[in-house]
Amino acid sequence: MEEQPELTHEKAPKAKRTYKQRKKLSPAEKAIAKLEKAHKFVRLDILKALRAKECSPGTNSRLAYLKALQQLEIDYVEQITKMGVLPKNVQAQTTTQYMFKAHVSSGGNVTTVPVSTPAQVRELDRIESKEMKKGYYMSEEDEAIRAELEAEFGGEGVKNPKE
């Protein structure tokens, strides 16, 4: 009989650690980062000087530092606005919610109306319900059933406050 070689179990080599790849910045992102870093450095330097003994309240040096700080902030916001980081009209960009009222006609056309307040939604609902009631025949029997249901279930809870 032939001798078979003895099998040895070798451990597999450890997997190399994966390192996080550094994000490559575009030239615009580099410029913005440099601007922010310089702004923070100058701002902190001015604030440190304001805390010094020479800049006590009422001195010309303190006034000069405060004016420099204010101008620094104005210039910084102006520059990042020019670079497109901030929108030109920030107030127009701060809408927190959008509300629309959609109307579907019998032909399948959809019309949407922008609405800004809940009062406008209620007003559109009231107008819509009036339009829907046109052409419907309401008999005395229908009115009696409605009155009975309102008495039993309290119709005041479901009515609009303005109706």
C-alpha atoms as a PDB file:
ATOM      1  CA  MET A   1       0.000   0.000   0.000  1.00  0.00           C
ATOM      2  CA  GLU A   2       1.026   3.403  -0.787  1.00  0.00           C
ATOM      3  CA  GLU A   3       1.231   5.955   1.899  1.00  0.00           C
ATOM      4  CA  GLN A   4      -0.997   8.916   1.465  1.00  0.00           C
ATOM      5  CA  PRO A   5       0.321  12.280   2.455  1.00  0.00           C
ATOM      6  CA  GLU A   6      -1.139  13.617   5.631  1.00  0.00           C
ATOM      7  CA  LEU A   7      -3.623  16.437   5.066  1.00  0.00           C
ATOM      8  CA  THR A   8      -2.999  19.561   7.051  1.00  0.00           C
ATOM      9  CA  HIS A   9      -5.589  22.204   7.451  1.00  0.00           C
ATOM     10  CA  GLU A  10      -4.085  25.594   6.921  1.00  0.00           C
ATOM     11  CA  LYS A  11      -5.902  28.628   8.104  1.00  0.00           C
ATOM     12  CA  ALA A  12      -6.906  31.034   5.415  1.00  0.00           C
ATOM     13  CA  PRO A  13      -5.074  34.331   5.591  1.00  0.00           C
ATOM     14  CA  LYS A  14      -6.908  37.107   7.402  1.00  0.00           C
ATOM     15  CA  ALA A  15      -8.870  39.372   5.146  1.00  0.00           C
ATOM     16  CA  LYS A  16      -7.302  42.756   4.821  1.00  0.00           C
ATOM     17  CA  ARG A  17      -9.056  45.558   6.584  1.00  0.00           C
ATOM     18  CA  THR A  18     -11.087  47.720   4.249  1.00  0.00           C
ATOM     19  CA  TYR A  19     -10.419  51.372   4.615  1.00  0.00           C
ATOM     20  CA  LYS A  20     -12.958  54.057   4.031  1.00  0.00           C
ATOM     21  CA  GLN A  21     -12.275  55.789   0.774  1.00  0.00           C
ATOM     22  CA  ARG A  22     -11.719  59.484   1.046  1.00  0.00           C
ATOM     23  CA  LYS A  23     -14.286  61.484  -0.853  1.00  0.00           C
ATOM     24  CA  LYS A  24     -12.769  63.494  -3.628  1.00  0.00           C
ATOM     25  CA  LEU A  25     -13.989  67.074  -3.553  1.00  0.00           C
ATOM     26  CA  SER A  26     -14.752  69.045  -6.666  1.00  0.00           C
ATOM     27  CA  PRO A  27     -13.035  72.428  -7.092  1.00  0.00           C
ATOM     28  CA  ALA A  28     -16.265  74.196  -6.100  1.00  0.00           C
ATOM     29  CA  GLU A  29     -16.579  72.119  -2.928  1.00  0.00           C
ATOM     30  CA  LYS A  30     -12.922  72.834  -2.099  1.00  0.00           C
ATOM     31  CA  ALA A  31     -13.514  76.580  -2.514  1.00  0.00           C
ATOM     32  CA  ILE A  32     -16.566  76.450  -0.257  1.00  0.00           C
ATOM     33  CA  ALA A  33     -14.670  74.445   2.375  1.00  0.00           C
ATOM     34  CA  LYS A  34     -11.763  76.926   2.309  1.00  0.00           C
ATOM     35  CA  LEU A  35     -14.172  79.855   2.628  1.00  0.00           C
ATOM     36  CA  GLU A  36     -15.923  78.249   5.614  1.00  0.00           C
ATOM     37  CA  LYS A  37     -12.620  77.426   7.303  1.00  0.00           C
ATOM     38  CA  ALA A  38     -11.277  80.963   6.834  1.00  0.00           C
ATOM     39  CA  HIS A  39     -14.555  82.448   8.073  1.00  0.00           C
ATOM     40  CA  LYS A  40     -14.494  80.326  11.238  1.00  0.00           C
ATOM     41  CA  PHE A  41     -10.839  81.184  11.901  1.00  0.00           C
ATOM     42  CA  VAL A  42     -11.316  84.951  11.504  1.00  0.00           C
ATOM     43  CA  ARG A  43     -14.558  84.907  13.502  1.00  0.00           C
ATOM     44  CA  LEU A  44     -12.958  83.044  16.410  1.00  0.00           C
ATOM     45  CA  ASP A  45      -9.963  85.405  16.305  1.00  0.00           C
ATOM     46  CA  ILE A  46     -12.227  88.473  16.495  1.00  0.00           C
ATOM     47  CA  LEU A  47     -14.271  86.928  19.332  1.00  0.00           C
ATOM     48  CA  LYS A  48     -11.070  86.110  21.247  1.00  0.00           C
ATOM     49  CA  ALA A  49      -9.899  89.733  20.840  1.00  0.00           C
ATOM     50  CA  LEU A  50     -13.288  91.005  22.043  1.00  0.00           C
ATOM     51  CA  ARG A  51     -12.850  89.042  25.277  1.00  0.00           C
ATOM     52  CA  ALA A  52      -9.443  90.617  25.914  1.00  0.00           C
ATOM     53  CA  LYS A  53      -8.954  93.314  28.558  1.00  0.00           C
ATOM     54  CA  GLU A  54      -8.168  96.004  25.979  1.00  0.00           C
ATOM     55  CA  CYS A  55     -11.649  95.649  24.432  1.00  0.00           C
ATOM     56  CA  SER A  56     -13.731  96.693  27.385  1.00  0.00           C
ATOM     57  CA  PRO A  57     -17.178  98.146  26.639  1.00  0.00           C
ATOM     58  CA  GLY A  58     -17.083 101.742  25.478  1.00  0.00           C
ATOM     59  CA  THR A  59     -13.643 101.657  23.848  1.00  0.00           C
ATOM     60  CA  ASN A  60     -12.949 102.423  20.200  1.00  0.00           C
ATOM     61  CA  SER A  61     -11.135  99.134  19.749  1.00  0.00           C
ATOM     62  CA  ARG A  62     -14.221  97.188  20.860  1.00  0.00           C
ATOM     63  CA  LEU A  63     -16.395  99.170  18.456  1.00  0.00           C
ATOM     64  CA  ALA A  64     -13.948  98.462  15.628  1.00  0.00           C
ATOM     65  CA  TYR A  65     -13.964  94.730  16.393  1.00  0.00           C
ATOM     66  CA  LEU A  66     -17.769  94.634  16.518  1.00  0.00           C
ATOM     67  CA  LYS A  67     -17.988  96.429  13.165  1.00  0.00           C
ATOM     68  CA  ALA A  68     -15.424  94.026  11.711  1.00  0.00           C
ATOM     69  CA  LEU A  69     -17.410  91.031  12.995  1.00  0.00           C
ATOM     70  CA  GLN A  70     -20.625  92.371  11.520  1.00  0.00           C
ATOM     71  CA  GLN A  71     -18.969  93.060   8.161  1.00  0.00           C
ATOM     72  CA  LEU A  72     -17.390  89.593   8.207  1.00  0.00           C
ATOM     73  CA  GLU A  73     -20.811  87.954   8.611  1.00  0.00           C
ATOM     74  CA  ILE A  74     -22.357  90.124   5.884  1.00  0.00           C
ATOM     75  CA  ASP A  75     -19.529  89.367   3.447  1.00  0.00           C
ATOM     76  CA  TYR A  76     -19.646  85.641   4.237  1.00  0.00           C
ATOM     77  CA  VAL A  77     -23.383  85.356   3.571  1.00  0.00           C
ATOM     78  CA  GLU A  78     -23.018  87.434   0.402  1.00  0.00           C
ATOM     79  CA  GLN A  79     -20.199  85.215  -0.859  1.00  0.00           C
ATOM     80  CA  ILE A  80     -21.921  81.879  -0.204  1.00  0.00           C
ATOM     81  CA  THR A  81     -25.050  83.265  -1.856  1.00  0.00           C
ATOM     82  CA  LYS A  82     -23.002  84.164  -4.936  1.00  0.00           C
ATOM     83  CA  MET A  83     -21.535  80.657  -4.923  1.00  0.00           C
ATOM     84  CA  GLY A  84     -25.024  79.136  -4.854  1.00  0.00           C
ATOM     85  CA  VAL A  85     -24.796  77.500  -1.418  1.00  0.00           C
ATOM     86  CA  LEU A  86     -27.670  79.625  -0.114  1.00  0.00           C
ATOM     87  CA  PRO A  87     -30.628  80.645  -2.282  1.00  0.00           C
ATOM     88  CA  LYS A  88     -30.932  84.342  -3.071  1.00  0.00           C
ATOM     89  CA  ASN A  89     -34.367  84.544  -1.474  1.00  0.00           C
ATOM     90  CA  VAL A  90     -34.246  82.297   1.593  1.00  0.00           C
ATOM     91  CA  GLN A  91     -37.797  83.127   2.653  1.00  0.00           C
ATOM     92  CA  ALA A  92     -39.170  81.769  -0.621  1.00  0.00           C
ATOM     93  CA  GLN A  93     -37.306  78.510   0.021  1.00  0.00           C
ATOM     94  CA  THR A  94     -38.666  77.916   3.538  1.00  0.00           C
ATOM     95  CA  THR A  95     -42.176  76.696   2.742  1.00  0.00           C
ATOM     96  CA  THR A  96     -42.752  73.809   5.108  1.00  0.00           C
ATOM     97  CA  GLN A  97     -45.813  72.268   3.533  1.00  0.00           C
ATOM     98  CA  TYR A  98     -47.746  72.324   0.310  1.00  0.00           C
ATOM     99  CA  MET A  99     -51.501  71.860   0.223  1.00  0.00           C
ATOM    100  CA  PHE A 100     -53.590  71.391  -2.897  1.00  0.00           C
ATOM    101  CA  LYS A 101     -57.276  70.803  -3.472  1.00  0.00           C
ATOM    102  CA  ALA A 102     -57.965  68.588  -6.471  1.00  0.00           C
ATOM    103  CA  HIS A 103     -61.177  68.617  -8.489  1.00  0.00           C
ATOM    104  CA  VAL A 104     -62.060  65.840 -10.911  1.00  0.00           C
ATOM    105  CA  SER A 105     -64.695  66.649 -13.499  1.00  0.00           C
ATOM    106  CA  SER A 106     -67.058  64.103 -15.030  1.00  0.00           C
ATOM    107  CA  GLY A 107     -64.880  64.035 -18.160  1.00  0.00           C
ATOM    108  CA  GLY A 108     -61.862  62.925 -16.155  1.00  0.00           C
ATOM    109  CA  ASN A 109     -60.014  66.264 -16.162  1.00  0.00           C
ATOM    110  CA  VAL A 110     -58.184  67.024 -12.927  1.00  0.00           C
ATOM    111  CA  THR A 111     -57.739  70.593 -11.708  1.00  0.00           C
ATOM    112  CA  THR A 112     -55.571  71.390  -8.692  1.00  0.00           C
ATOM    113  CA  VAL A 113     -55.800  74.596  -6.704  1.00  0.00           C
ATOM    114  CA  PRO A 114     -53.004  75.593  -4.291  1.00  0.00           C
ATOM    115  CA  VAL A 115     -54.321  76.227  -0.788  1.00  0.00           C
ATOM    116  CA  SER A 116     -52.356  77.878   2.018  1.00  0.00           C
ATOM    117  CA  THR A 117     -54.678  77.740   5.024  1.00  0.00           C
ATOM    118  CA  PRO A 118     -57.187  75.264   6.471  1.00  0.00           C
ATOM    119  CA  ALA A 119     -59.854  77.986   6.197  1.00  0.00           C
ATOM    120  CA  GLN A 120     -59.398  77.979   2.423  1.00  0.00           C
ATOM    121  CA  VAL A 121     -59.827  74.196   2.363  1.00  0.00           C
ATOM    122  CA  ARG A 122     -63.085  74.468   4.328  1.00  0.00           C
ATOM    123  CA  GLU A 123     -64.335  77.227   2.001  1.00  0.00           C
ATOM    124  CA  LEU A 124     -63.553  75.124  -1.090  1.00  0.00           C
ATOM    125  CA  ASP A 125     -65.310  72.131   0.501  1.00  0.00           C
ATOM    126  CA  ARG A 126     -68.369  74.273   1.272  1.00  0.00           C
ATOM    127  CA  ILE A 127     -68.531  75.576  -2.311  1.00  0.00           C
ATOM    128  CA  GLU A 128     -68.021  72.075  -3.676  1.00  0.00           C
ATOM    129  CA  SER A 129     -70.821  70.622  -1.541  1.00  0.00           C
ATOM    130  CA  LYS A 130     -73.202  73.378  -2.717  1.00  0.00           C
ATOM    131  CA  GLU A 131     -72.341  72.583  -6.337  1.00  0.00           C
ATOM    132  CA  MET A 132     -72.917  68.873  -5.770  1.00  0.00           C
ATOM    133  CA  LYS A 133     -76.356  69.494  -4.223  1.00  0.00           C
ATOM    134  CA  LYS A 134     -77.553  71.360  -7.296  1.00  0.00           C
ATOM    135  CA  GLY A 135     -79.908  69.260  -9.353  1.00  0.00           C
ATOM    136  CA  TYR A 136     -80.652  66.751  -6.592  1.00  0.00           C
ATOM    137  CA  TYR A 137     -84.220  66.363  -5.501  1.00  0.00           C
ATOM    138  CA  MET A 138     -84.676  66.253  -1.750  1.00  0.00           C
ATOM    139  CA  SER A 139     -87.982  64.845  -0.636  1.00  0.00           C
ATOM    140  CA  GLU A 140     -89.611  65.356   2.754  1.00  0.00           C
ATOM    141  CA  GLU A 141     -88.890  61.712   3.494  1.00  0.00           C
ATOM    142  CA  ASP A 142     -85.130  62.290   2.930  1.00  0.00           C
ATOM    143  CA  GLU A 143     -85.191  65.291   5.242  1.00  0.00           C
ATOM    144  CA  ALA A 144     -87.020  63.274   7.933  1.00  0.00           C
ATOM    145  CA  ILE A 145     -84.427  60.489   7.755  1.00  0.00           C
ATOM    146  CA  ARG A 146     -81.592  63.047   8.009  1.00  0.00           C
ATOM    147  CA  ALA A 147     -83.214  64.716  11.009  1.00  0.00           C
ATOM    148  CA  GLU A 148     -83.681  61.339  12.712  1.00  0.00           C
ATOM    149  CA  LEU A 149     -80.016  60.396  12.128  1.00  0.00           C
ATOM    150  CA  GLU A 150     -78.803  63.760  13.390  1.00  0.00           C
ATOM    151  CA  ALA A 151     -80.905  63.384  16.516  1.00  0.00           C
ATOM    152  CA  GLU A 152     -79.609  59.867  17.109  1.00  0.00           C
ATOM    153  CA  PHE A 153     -75.908  60.361  16.276  1.00  0.00           C
ATOM    154  CA  GLY A 154     -75.475  64.112  16.849  1.00  0.00           C
ATOM    155  CA  GLY A 155     -74.881  65.699  13.465  1.00  0.00           C
ATOM    156  CA  GLU A 156     -73.134  68.679  15.071  1.00  0.00           C
ATOM    157  CA  GLY A 157     -69.888  66.689  15.326  1.00  0.00           C
ATOM    158  CA  VAL A 158     -69.588  66.270  11.575  1.00  0.00           C
ATOM    159  CA  LYS A 159     -70.824  69.653  10.352  1.00  0.00           C
ATOM    160  CA  ASN A 160     -68.390  72.355   9.276  1.00  0.00           C
ATOM    161  CA  PRO A 161     -68.328  75.203  11.831  1.00  0.00           C
ATOM    162  CA  LYS A 162     -69.080  77.844   9.168  1.00  0.00           C
ATOM    163  CA  GLU A 163     -72.190  76.169   7.766  1.00  0.00           C
END
